[in-house]
Protein backbone atom coordinates (compact mmCIF):
# COMPACT_ATOMS: atom_id res chain seq x y z
CA MET A 1 -27.85 3.64 1.86
CA GLN A 2 -26.49 7.13 2.55
CA ARG A 3 -26.02 6.14 6.17
CA VAL A 4 -23.80 3.24 5.06
CA VAL A 5 -21.79 5.51 2.74
CA ASN A 6 -21.26 7.98 5.60
CA LYS A 7 -20.09 5.14 7.86
CA ILE A 8 -17.66 3.97 5.18
CA ARG A 9 -16.17 7.47 5.04
CA GLU A 10 -15.81 7.56 8.81
CA LEU A 11 -14.10 4.17 8.82
CA ILE A 12 -11.60 4.99 6.08
CA ASP A 13 -10.76 8.21 7.92
CA SER A 14 -10.16 6.25 11.13
CA ILE A 15 -7.97 3.71 9.32
CA GLY A 16 -5.92 6.62 8.01
CA ARG A 17 -4.51 5.00 4.89
CA PRO A 18 -5.68 3.69 1.50
CA VAL A 19 -7.39 0.27 1.50
CA ARG A 20 -7.44 -2.17 -1.42
CA LEU A 21 -10.32 -4.63 -1.60
CA MET A 22 -10.93 -7.35 -4.18
CA GLU A 23 -14.35 -8.38 -5.44
CA VAL A 24 -13.82 -11.98 -6.48
CA CYS A 25 -17.03 -12.48 -8.45
CA GLY A 26 -17.56 -11.21 -11.98
CA THR A 27 -21.22 -10.53 -11.22
CA HIS A 28 -20.11 -8.25 -8.39
CA THR A 29 -17.80 -6.41 -10.79
CA VAL A 30 -20.70 -5.68 -13.11
CA ALA A 31 -23.02 -4.74 -10.23
CA ILE A 32 -20.43 -2.32 -8.81
CA PHE A 33 -20.28 -0.52 -12.15
CA ARG A 34 -24.01 -0.64 -12.80
CA HIS A 35 -24.83 0.88 -9.42
CA GLY A 36 -22.06 3.50 -9.65
CA ILE A 37 -20.55 2.27 -6.38
CA ARG A 38 -17.02 3.41 -7.16
CA ASN A 39 -18.32 6.96 -7.43
CA LEU A 40 -19.91 6.71 -3.98
CA LEU A 41 -16.76 5.55 -2.23
CA PRO A 42 -14.09 7.82 -0.79
CA SER A 43 -10.84 8.03 -2.71
CA GLY A 44 -9.04 5.96 -0.07
CA ILE A 45 -10.79 2.77 -1.19
CA LYS A 46 -9.65 0.96 -4.31
CA LEU A 47 -11.69 -1.96 -5.66
CA LEU A 48 -9.87 -4.60 -7.69
CA SER A 49 -11.45 -7.37 -9.73
CA GLY A 50 -10.43 -10.98 -9.15
CA PRO A 51 -10.57 -14.32 -10.98
CA GLY A 52 -14.32 -14.76 -10.52
CA CYS A 53 -15.41 -14.96 -14.16
CA PRO A 54 -15.47 -18.64 -15.25
CA VAL A 55 -15.35 -17.71 -18.93
CA CYS A 56 -12.30 -15.54 -18.38
CA VAL A 57 -10.27 -18.15 -16.51
CA THR A 58 -10.92 -21.01 -18.96
CA SER A 59 -7.50 -21.72 -20.41
CA ILE A 60 -6.61 -21.47 -24.08
CA ARG A 61 -5.77 -25.17 -24.10
CA ASP A 62 -9.22 -26.06 -22.78
CA VAL A 63 -10.86 -23.97 -25.50
CA GLU A 64 -8.64 -25.63 -28.11
CA THR A 65 -9.54 -29.06 -26.70
CA ALA A 66 -13.26 -28.27 -26.95
CA ILE A 67 -12.74 -27.21 -30.57
CA ALA A 68 -10.83 -30.43 -31.29
CA ILE A 69 -13.67 -32.47 -29.75
CA SER A 70 -16.19 -30.66 -31.95
CA ARG A 71 -14.27 -31.70 -35.08
CA ILE A 72 -14.61 -35.42 -34.38
CA LYS A 73 -17.10 -37.16 -36.65
CA GLY A 74 -20.32 -38.09 -34.88
CA VAL A 75 -19.87 -35.57 -32.05
CA ILE A 76 -22.21 -32.72 -31.12
CA LEU A 77 -20.54 -30.30 -28.72
CA THR A 78 -22.87 -28.34 -26.43
CA THR A 79 -21.90 -25.27 -24.45
CA PHE A 80 -23.16 -22.23 -22.63
CA GLY A 81 -23.48 -19.31 -25.01
CA ASP A 82 -20.90 -17.09 -23.33
CA MET A 83 -18.16 -19.61 -24.17
CA MET A 84 -18.71 -19.31 -27.93
CA ARG A 85 -16.53 -16.24 -28.49
CA VAL A 86 -13.70 -17.02 -26.06
CA PRO A 87 -10.50 -16.96 -28.11
CA GLY A 88 -8.37 -20.05 -28.31
CA ASN A 89 -4.96 -20.13 -29.94
CA HIS A 90 -6.24 -19.58 -33.45
CA LYS A 91 -10.03 -19.39 -33.29
CA SER A 92 -13.10 -19.52 -31.07
CA LEU A 93 -15.92 -22.05 -30.83
CA SER A 94 -18.05 -19.65 -32.83
CA GLU A 95 -15.52 -19.68 -35.67
CA ALA A 96 -15.22 -23.48 -35.47
CA LYS A 97 -19.01 -23.72 -35.81
CA ALA A 98 -18.88 -21.47 -38.88
CA GLU A 99 -16.33 -23.88 -40.35
CA GLY A 100 -18.68 -26.82 -39.96
CA SER A 101 -18.35 -28.19 -36.42
CA ASP A 102 -21.69 -29.16 -34.87
CA ILE A 103 -21.67 -26.89 -31.82
CA ARG A 104 -24.93 -26.00 -30.09
CA ILE A 105 -25.74 -23.53 -27.35
CA VAL A 106 -27.68 -24.90 -24.38
CA TYR A 107 -29.04 -23.20 -21.28
CA SER A 108 -28.37 -26.10 -18.93
CA PRO A 109 -26.71 -29.54 -19.00
CA LEU A 110 -30.21 -31.04 -18.98
CA ASP A 111 -30.73 -29.49 -22.42
CA ALA A 112 -27.65 -31.39 -23.59
CA LEU A 113 -29.04 -34.60 -22.05
CA LYS A 114 -32.31 -34.16 -23.98
CA LEU A 115 -30.26 -33.74 -27.15
CA ALA A 116 -28.45 -37.00 -26.38
CA GLU A 117 -31.77 -38.78 -25.92
CA LYS A 118 -32.95 -37.60 -29.35
CA ASN A 119 -29.64 -38.36 -31.12
CA ARG A 120 -28.59 -41.80 -29.97
CA ASP A 121 -26.31 -42.23 -32.97
CA LYS A 122 -24.19 -39.25 -31.86
CA LYS A 123 -21.86 -38.56 -28.97
CA ILE A 124 -23.23 -35.50 -27.15
CA VAL A 125 -20.52 -33.68 -25.21
CA PHE A 126 -21.29 -30.93 -22.71
CA PHE A 127 -18.45 -28.43 -22.27
CA ALA A 128 -18.73 -28.26 -18.49
CA THR A 129 -17.45 -24.86 -17.42
CA GLY A 130 -18.05 -22.80 -14.30
CA PHE A 131 -17.37 -22.79 -10.59
CA GLU A 132 -19.09 -24.58 -7.71
CA THR A 133 -22.34 -22.90 -8.77
CA THR A 134 -22.74 -25.09 -11.87
CA SER A 135 -20.95 -28.33 -10.99
CA PRO A 136 -23.80 -29.76 -8.83
CA SER A 137 -26.22 -29.43 -11.76
CA VAL A 138 -23.76 -31.24 -14.02
CA ALA A 139 -23.43 -34.00 -11.43
CA GLY A 140 -27.22 -34.24 -11.25
CA THR A 141 -27.43 -34.50 -15.04
CA ILE A 142 -24.93 -37.36 -15.08
CA MET A 143 -27.00 -39.09 -12.41
CA GLN A 144 -30.12 -38.61 -14.56
CA ALA A 145 -28.34 -39.94 -17.65
CA GLY A 146 -27.53 -43.11 -15.72
CA LYS A 147 -31.09 -43.55 -14.52
CA GLU A 148 -32.47 -43.13 -18.04
CA GLY A 149 -29.81 -45.30 -19.69
CA ILE A 150 -28.63 -42.51 -21.99
CA ASP A 151 -25.15 -43.82 -22.75
CA ASN A 152 -24.14 -41.28 -25.40
CA PHE A 153 -23.96 -38.31 -23.01
CA TYR A 154 -20.47 -37.13 -22.03
CA ILE A 155 -18.83 -34.08 -20.49
CA TYR A 156 -15.55 -32.30 -20.91
CA SER A 157 -15.04 -30.90 -17.43
CA VAL A 158 -13.07 -27.71 -16.90
CA HIS A 159 -14.90 -26.90 -13.67
CA LYS A 160 -12.90 -24.84 -11.21
CA THR A 161 -13.19 -24.07 -7.51
CA VAL A 162 -12.74 -20.63 -6.01
CA PRO A 163 -10.96 -21.10 -2.62
CA PRO A 164 -7.75 -22.64 -4.10
CA ALA A 165 -7.49 -19.71 -6.53
CA LEU A 166 -7.63 -17.21 -3.65
CA ARG A 167 -4.93 -19.15 -1.82
CA ALA A 168 -2.77 -19.13 -4.95
CA LEU A 169 -3.23 -15.38 -5.36
CA LEU A 170 -2.13 -14.72 -1.81
CA ASN A 171 0.80 -17.15 -2.06
CA SER A 172 2.04 -15.43 -5.20
CA GLY A 173 2.95 -12.28 -3.28
CA GLU A 174 1.88 -10.21 -6.29
CA VAL A 175 -1.56 -9.29 -5.03
CA LYS A 176 -1.76 -6.53 -2.46
CA VAL A 177 -5.26 -6.60 -1.01
CA GLU A 178 -6.52 -6.16 2.53
CA GLY A 179 -9.91 -7.79 2.20
CA PHE A 180 -12.15 -9.85 -0.07
CA ILE A 181 -15.74 -9.38 -1.21
CA LEU A 182 -16.58 -13.06 -1.60
CA PRO A 183 -18.90 -14.42 -4.31
CA GLY A 184 -22.57 -14.73 -3.41
CA HIS A 185 -23.56 -17.47 -5.87
CA VAL A 186 -20.62 -19.77 -5.16
CA SER A 187 -21.03 -19.27 -1.43
CA THR A 188 -24.68 -20.27 -1.67
CA ILE A 189 -23.36 -23.73 -2.56
CA ILE A 190 -20.20 -24.14 -0.48
CA GLY A 191 -20.95 -21.82 2.44
CA THR A 192 -18.20 -19.89 4.22
CA ARG A 193 -16.12 -22.59 5.91
CA PRO A 194 -13.90 -23.23 2.85
CA TYR A 195 -12.74 -19.60 3.07
CA GLY A 196 -11.60 -19.90 6.68
CA PHE A 197 -7.93 -19.95 5.67
CA LEU A 198 -8.18 -16.34 4.47
CA ALA A 199 -8.48 -15.22 8.08
CA SER A 200 -6.55 -17.95 9.91
CA ALA A 201 -3.55 -18.29 7.58
CA TYR A 202 -3.35 -14.87 5.95
CA GLY A 203 -5.12 -12.48 8.32
CA LYS A 204 -7.40 -11.22 5.54
CA PRO A 205 -10.96 -10.10 6.36
CA SER A 206 -13.68 -11.31 3.98
CA VAL A 207 -17.42 -10.81 3.57
CA VAL A 208 -19.94 -12.63 1.38
CA THR A 209 -22.32 -10.07 -0.08
CA GLY A 210 -25.38 -9.97 -2.30
CA PHE A 211 -25.62 -8.04 -5.54
CA ASP A 212 -27.70 -4.91 -5.04
CA ALA A 213 -26.09 -1.59 -4.12
CA GLY A 214 -27.07 -1.84 -0.46
CA ASP A 215 -25.63 -5.36 -0.18
CA ILE A 216 -22.29 -4.42 -1.67
CA LEU A 217 -21.90 -1.16 0.26
CA THR A 218 -22.80 -2.91 3.51
CA GLY A 219 -20.25 -5.61 2.74
CA ILE A 220 -17.57 -2.97 2.17
CA MET A 221 -18.53 -1.33 5.46
CA MET A 222 -18.23 -4.68 7.25
CA LEU A 223 -14.77 -5.22 5.75
CA LEU A 224 -13.63 -1.77 6.87
CA GLU A 225 -14.97 -2.44 10.37
CA GLN A 226 -12.80 -5.55 10.53
CA ILE A 227 -9.75 -3.69 9.26
CA ALA A 228 -10.29 -0.76 11.61
CA SER A 229 -10.56 -3.07 14.63
CA GLY A 230 -7.69 -5.33 13.58
CA ARG A 231 -9.95 -8.36 13.10
CA ALA A 232 -9.89 -10.97 10.36
CA GLU A 233 -13.04 -13.06 9.99
CA VAL A 234 -15.28 -14.55 7.32
CA GLU A 235 -18.62 -12.78 7.65
CA ILE A 236 -21.92 -13.09 5.78
CA GLN A 237 -23.82 -10.02 4.67
CA TYR A 238 -25.96 -12.08 2.26
CA THR A 239 -27.69 -13.90 5.13
CA LYS A 240 -31.00 -14.42 3.31
CA VAL A 241 -29.29 -16.84 0.92
CA VAL A 242 -25.87 -17.89 2.26
CA LYS A 243 -25.35 -20.08 5.32
CA GLU A 244 -22.08 -21.07 6.97
CA GLU A 245 -22.62 -24.70 5.98
CA GLY A 246 -23.77 -23.83 2.45
CA ASN A 247 -26.13 -26.20 0.66
CA PRO A 248 -25.28 -29.68 1.98
CA LYS A 249 -27.27 -31.52 -0.73
CA ALA A 250 -25.55 -29.63 -3.54
CA VAL A 251 -22.13 -30.16 -1.99
CA ALA A 252 -22.88 -33.87 -1.45
CA ILE A 253 -23.79 -34.56 -5.08
CA MET A 254 -20.84 -32.51 -6.31
CA ASN A 255 -18.47 -34.52 -4.11
CA GLU A 256 -20.12 -37.82 -5.07
CA TYR A 257 -19.41 -37.32 -8.76
CA PHE A 258 -16.32 -35.09 -8.80
CA GLU A 259 -12.91 -35.04 -7.15
CA PRO A 260 -10.23 -32.34 -7.13
CA GLU A 261 -7.49 -32.17 -9.73
CA ASP A 262 -4.89 -29.60 -10.73
CA ALA A 263 -6.27 -27.10 -13.23
CA VAL A 264 -4.85 -24.44 -15.53
CA TRP A 265 -6.38 -20.99 -15.11
CA ARG A 266 -5.95 -18.48 -17.89
CA GLY A 267 -3.47 -15.90 -16.70
CA LEU A 268 -2.87 -17.62 -13.35
CA GLY A 269 -1.26 -20.87 -14.49
CA THR A 270 -1.70 -24.26 -12.83
CA ILE A 271 -3.37 -24.16 -9.41
CA PRO A 272 -3.17 -27.42 -7.43
CA GLY A 273 -6.49 -29.01 -6.52
CA SER A 274 -8.54 -26.23 -8.13
CA GLY A 275 -10.24 -28.29 -10.84
CA LEU A 276 -12.93 -30.96 -10.74
CA LYS A 277 -12.72 -34.25 -12.61
CA LEU A 278 -15.17 -37.15 -12.58
CA ARG A 279 -14.48 -39.83 -10.02
CA GLU A 280 -13.45 -43.27 -11.26
CA ASN A 281 -16.98 -44.69 -10.93
CA PHE A 282 -18.24 -42.12 -13.45
CA ARG A 283 -15.14 -41.75 -15.61
CA GLN A 284 -16.95 -43.35 -18.58
CA ARG A 285 -18.88 -40.06 -18.88
CA ASP A 286 -15.65 -38.15 -19.51
CA ILE A 287 -15.25 -37.77 -23.27
CA ARG A 288 -11.52 -38.14 -22.81
CA SER A 289 -12.13 -41.74 -21.70
CA VAL A 290 -13.42 -42.69 -25.18
CA ILE A 291 -11.35 -40.45 -27.47
CA ASP A 292 -7.64 -39.72 -27.47
CA LEU A 293 -6.74 -36.07 -27.90
CA VAL A 294 -3.37 -34.37 -27.67
CA VAL A 295 -3.73 -30.60 -27.69
CA PRO A 296 -0.67 -28.39 -27.17
CA GLU A 297 -0.65 -25.68 -24.54
CA GLY A 298 -1.72 -22.33 -25.95
CA LYS A 299 0.03 -19.00 -25.66
CA GLU A 300 -1.56 -15.84 -24.33
CA PRO A 301 -1.98 -13.09 -26.94
CA LYS A 302 0.94 -10.66 -27.03
CA ALA A 303 0.41 -7.47 -25.01
CA CYS A 304 -2.86 -8.79 -23.51
CA SER A 305 -3.06 -8.03 -19.77
CA CYS A 306 -6.02 -10.32 -19.02
CA GLY A 307 -3.92 -12.46 -16.67
CA ASP A 308 -2.78 -9.48 -14.63
CA VAL A 309 -6.35 -8.16 -14.53
CA LEU A 310 -7.58 -11.50 -13.19
CA LYS A 311 -4.92 -11.37 -10.49
CA GLY A 312 -5.82 -7.81 -9.48
CA ILE A 313 -2.38 -6.52 -10.44
CA LYS A 314 -3.78 -4.26 -13.17
CA ILE A 315 -7.10 -2.72 -14.02
CA PRO A 316 -8.36 -3.14 -17.60
CA THR A 317 -7.51 0.40 -18.67
CA ASP A 318 -3.84 -0.32 -17.89
CA CYS A 319 -3.76 -2.69 -20.88
CA VAL A 320 -2.41 -1.13 -24.08
CA LEU A 321 -4.97 -3.08 -26.14
CA PHE A 322 -8.01 -1.99 -24.14
CA GLY A 323 -10.64 -0.24 -26.25
CA LYS A 324 -8.33 -0.18 -29.26
CA ALA A 325 -7.26 -3.56 -30.62
CA CYS A 326 -9.45 -5.28 -28.01
CA THR A 327 -13.18 -4.50 -27.83
CA PRO A 328 -16.30 -6.59 -27.08
CA GLU A 329 -16.93 -6.79 -30.83
CA LYS A 330 -13.43 -8.10 -31.48
CA PRO A 331 -11.96 -9.42 -28.22
CA VAL A 332 -8.29 -10.31 -27.97
CA GLY A 333 -8.46 -11.62 -24.42
CA ALA A 334 -11.12 -13.58 -22.56
CA CYS A 335 -11.71 -10.75 -20.08
CA MET A 336 -13.39 -8.78 -22.88
CA VAL A 337 -15.73 -11.62 -23.93
CA SER A 338 -18.09 -12.39 -21.07
CA SER A 339 -20.53 -9.83 -19.69
CA GLU A 340 -18.95 -10.71 -16.33
CA GLY A 341 -15.43 -10.05 -17.56
CA SER A 342 -13.63 -7.11 -15.99
CA CYS A 343 -12.54 -5.63 -19.30
CA ALA A 344 -16.04 -5.88 -20.77
CA ALA A 345 -17.49 -4.22 -17.65
CA TYR A 346 -14.94 -1.40 -17.75
CA TYR A 347 -15.57 -0.89 -21.46
CA LYS A 348 -19.34 -0.77 -21.06
CA TYR A 349 -19.66 1.27 -17.89
CA GLU A 350 -16.51 3.36 -17.55
CA ALA A 351 -14.61 3.85 -20.78
CA ILE A 352 -17.65 4.84 -22.86
CA SER A 353 -18.80 7.34 -20.22
CA LYS A 354 -15.64 9.41 -20.57
């Protein structure tokens, strides 16, 4: 690993100017802190966090919609545990549960399907969050529900896809980065071809890396090698897991059940084609096909910089609320909720060490 660090120092010296890189994935953000990678890098490299935490980018309106669904008589709302404390406009799912809504934490959509099988007199709704990593398993669960004739299983899909968000960031002109550390888990599913536009249209180098210190440092070295030589390619450091074509079976089932739609990202706004909705053949599994809900758009908390953090414009400590009004125990913004959130990672690994 020291050899890689030495090579990184040589490369940044040869480039002769500061370099800003963005790690897209929230798991990478946490791993970078946990391994102390920022302390190993020369001062000429700045790492910025991107919109790679699915909890963080779930919009206030989507949280409010999930809460509204949970209040309907005869509905059991199921969700991953890290969504429970995400703030909506007025409350979180956790607070709605305390007020009487039947909201249950599950570890997979199959757990929600089992609940539907045992509670045929209820509508079981899975709050389907996440990126391309989780959407194939949701599609597989819907397929299983059909095979077993479990008609009371529904989803509320707020699935999002990563490549359109990166395109939106670059189109905004606000984000000044020279290369991307691409997400390992998402890329295991979709491969590297969907990221091709980063190099061809924007001239931005990118590398898919794993999650241990050696993986991440090697990925940074590979990015600097591209920058130093004036190249822009999509490379794979995480070769033991990620292939250029991804996982064709996972992509096939995802595309069979879902199609793109415009989606609202917290802090980033509406990004065309970045969401996933059920195709017409499976639309009866969308809870919105059987209940009519009108939920107003929510407003971001005043003074919260979560949106700018997700765009890589600010780091968490630039926010006036960070570590004061906003802490993991009492989060104001979504970036402080999830363990993969940038603010939570900064609070745990950096702020408390000073």
